[in-house]
Amino acid sequence: MSVKESFTGMPSWLKWVAIIVVALVVFKAVTWLLAVVFTLLFKLLLFAAIVAVLFFVVRKFMSSSSSSGSGW
């Protein structure tokens, strides 16, 4: 029994309901997958930005403390 045969045996209202339900399930899965990917990318970029700022602050602190000549 092929998909076309089983589809022609259904009432017309059920075809539309089935198409809408399948579309919602598929698009919900695609939307969920995109949300997961974008969330991971955002977290990765946020982590990279925090590490870059940390390096910048440490280098500024080290260069300012070494040039001040505190005399430890």
C-alpha atoms as a PDB file:
ATOM      1  CA  MET A   1       0.000   0.000   0.000  1.00  0.00           C
ATOM      2  CA  SER A   2       1.610   3.221  -1.116  1.00  0.00           C
ATOM      3  CA  VAL A   3       1.279   6.645   0.422  1.00  0.00           C
ATOM      4  CA  LYS A   4      -0.850   7.840  -2.475  1.00  0.00           C
ATOM      5  CA  GLU A   5      -3.300   4.955  -2.044  1.00  0.00           C
ATOM      6  CA  SER A   6      -3.640   5.513   1.679  1.00  0.00           C
ATOM      7  CA  PHE A   7      -4.042   9.246   1.121  1.00  0.00           C
ATOM      8  CA  THR A   8      -6.861   8.803  -1.397  1.00  0.00           C
ATOM      9  CA  GLY A   9      -8.752   6.605   1.040  1.00  0.00           C
ATOM     10  CA  MET A  10      -8.912   9.349   3.654  1.00  0.00           C
ATOM     11  CA  PRO A  11     -11.674  11.921   3.919  1.00  0.00           C
ATOM     12  CA  SER A  12     -10.696  15.384   2.681  1.00  0.00           C
ATOM     13  CA  TRP A  13     -10.857  17.041   6.112  1.00  0.00           C
ATOM     14  CA  LEU A  14      -8.520  14.399   7.506  1.00  0.00           C
ATOM     15  CA  LYS A  15      -6.032  15.035   4.708  1.00  0.00           C
ATOM     16  CA  TRP A  16      -5.840  18.705   5.633  1.00  0.00           C
ATOM     17  CA  VAL A  17      -5.538  17.919   9.335  1.00  0.00           C
ATOM     18  CA  ALA A  18      -2.813  15.364   8.653  1.00  0.00           C
ATOM     19  CA  ILE A  19      -0.892  17.773   6.414  1.00  0.00           C
ATOM     20  CA  ILE A  20      -1.096  20.561   8.999  1.00  0.00           C
ATOM     21  CA  VAL A  21      -0.067  18.279  11.868  1.00  0.00           C
ATOM     22  CA  VAL A  22       2.878  16.869   9.909  1.00  0.00           C
ATOM     23  CA  ALA A  23       3.963  20.382   8.875  1.00  0.00           C
ATOM     24  CA  LEU A  24       3.769  21.625  12.470  1.00  0.00           C
ATOM     25  CA  VAL A  25       5.783  18.686  13.753  1.00  0.00           C
ATOM     26  CA  VAL A  26       8.441  19.083  11.072  1.00  0.00           C
ATOM     27  CA  PHE A  27       8.725  22.856  11.460  1.00  0.00           C
ATOM     28  CA  LYS A  28       8.749  22.575  15.235  1.00  0.00           C
ATOM     29  CA  ALA A  29      11.650  20.131  14.993  1.00  0.00           C
ATOM     30  CA  VAL A  30      13.488  22.425  12.559  1.00  0.00           C
ATOM     31  CA  THR A  31      12.822  25.459  14.756  1.00  0.00           C
ATOM     32  CA  TRP A  32      14.040  23.599  17.840  1.00  0.00           C
ATOM     33  CA  LEU A  33      17.208  22.530  16.037  1.00  0.00           C
ATOM     34  CA  LEU A  34      17.890  26.090  14.860  1.00  0.00           C
ATOM     35  CA  ALA A  35      17.292  27.408  18.375  1.00  0.00           C
ATOM     36  CA  VAL A  36      19.786  24.925  19.799  1.00  0.00           C
ATOM     37  CA  VAL A  37      22.408  25.820  17.176  1.00  0.00           C
ATOM     38  CA  PHE A  38      21.972  29.574  17.680  1.00  0.00           C
ATOM     39  CA  THR A  39      22.062  29.177  21.463  1.00  0.00           C
ATOM     40  CA  LEU A  40      25.323  27.257  21.261  1.00  0.00           C
ATOM     41  CA  LEU A  41      26.801  29.813  18.880  1.00  0.00           C
ATOM     42  CA  PHE A  42      25.774  32.667  21.169  1.00  0.00           C
ATOM     43  CA  LYS A  43      27.312  30.963  24.188  1.00  0.00           C
ATOM     44  CA  LEU A  44      30.513  30.267  22.248  1.00  0.00           C
ATOM     45  CA  LEU A  45      30.780  33.896  21.127  1.00  0.00           C
ATOM     46  CA  LEU A  46      30.031  35.117  24.643  1.00  0.00           C
ATOM     47  CA  PHE A  47      32.757  32.860  26.039  1.00  0.00           C
ATOM     48  CA  ALA A  48      35.238  34.113  23.437  1.00  0.00           C
ATOM     49  CA  ALA A  49      34.368  37.736  24.255  1.00  0.00           C
ATOM     50  CA  ILE A  50      34.810  37.167  27.993  1.00  0.00           C
ATOM     51  CA  VAL A  51      38.188  35.479  27.461  1.00  0.00           C
ATOM     52  CA  ALA A  52      39.308  38.315  25.159  1.00  0.00           C
ATOM     53  CA  VAL A  53      38.304  40.964  27.709  1.00  0.00           C
ATOM     54  CA  LEU A  54      40.076  39.015  30.442  1.00  0.00           C
ATOM     55  CA  PHE A  55      43.283  38.871  28.381  1.00  0.00           C
ATOM     56  CA  PHE A  56      42.994  42.589  27.640  1.00  0.00           C
ATOM     57  CA  VAL A  57      42.540  43.484  31.312  1.00  0.00           C
ATOM     58  CA  VAL A  58      45.416  41.257  32.424  1.00  0.00           C
ATOM     59  CA  ARG A  59      47.779  42.693  29.784  1.00  0.00           C
ATOM     60  CA  LYS A  60      46.799  46.255  30.709  1.00  0.00           C
ATOM     61  CA  PHE A  61      47.318  45.523  34.396  1.00  0.00           C
ATOM     62  CA  MET A  62      50.668  43.813  33.797  1.00  0.00           C
ATOM     63  CA  SER A  63      51.957  46.585  31.524  1.00  0.00           C
ATOM     64  CA  SER A  64      50.861  49.342  33.900  1.00  0.00           C
ATOM     65  CA  SER A  65      52.344  47.647  36.957  1.00  0.00           C
ATOM     66  CA  SER A  66      55.683  46.890  35.234  1.00  0.00           C
ATOM     67  CA  SER A  67      56.063  50.448  33.917  1.00  0.00           C
ATOM     68  CA  SER A  68      55.197  52.095  37.222  1.00  0.00           C
ATOM     69  CA  GLY A  69      58.378  50.805  38.860  1.00  0.00           C
ATOM     70  CA  SER A  70      56.875  49.934  42.225  1.00  0.00           C
ATOM     71  CA  GLY A  71      60.190  48.382  43.275  1.00  0.00           C
ATOM     72  CA  TRP A  72      59.192  45.001  44.652  1.00  0.00           C
END
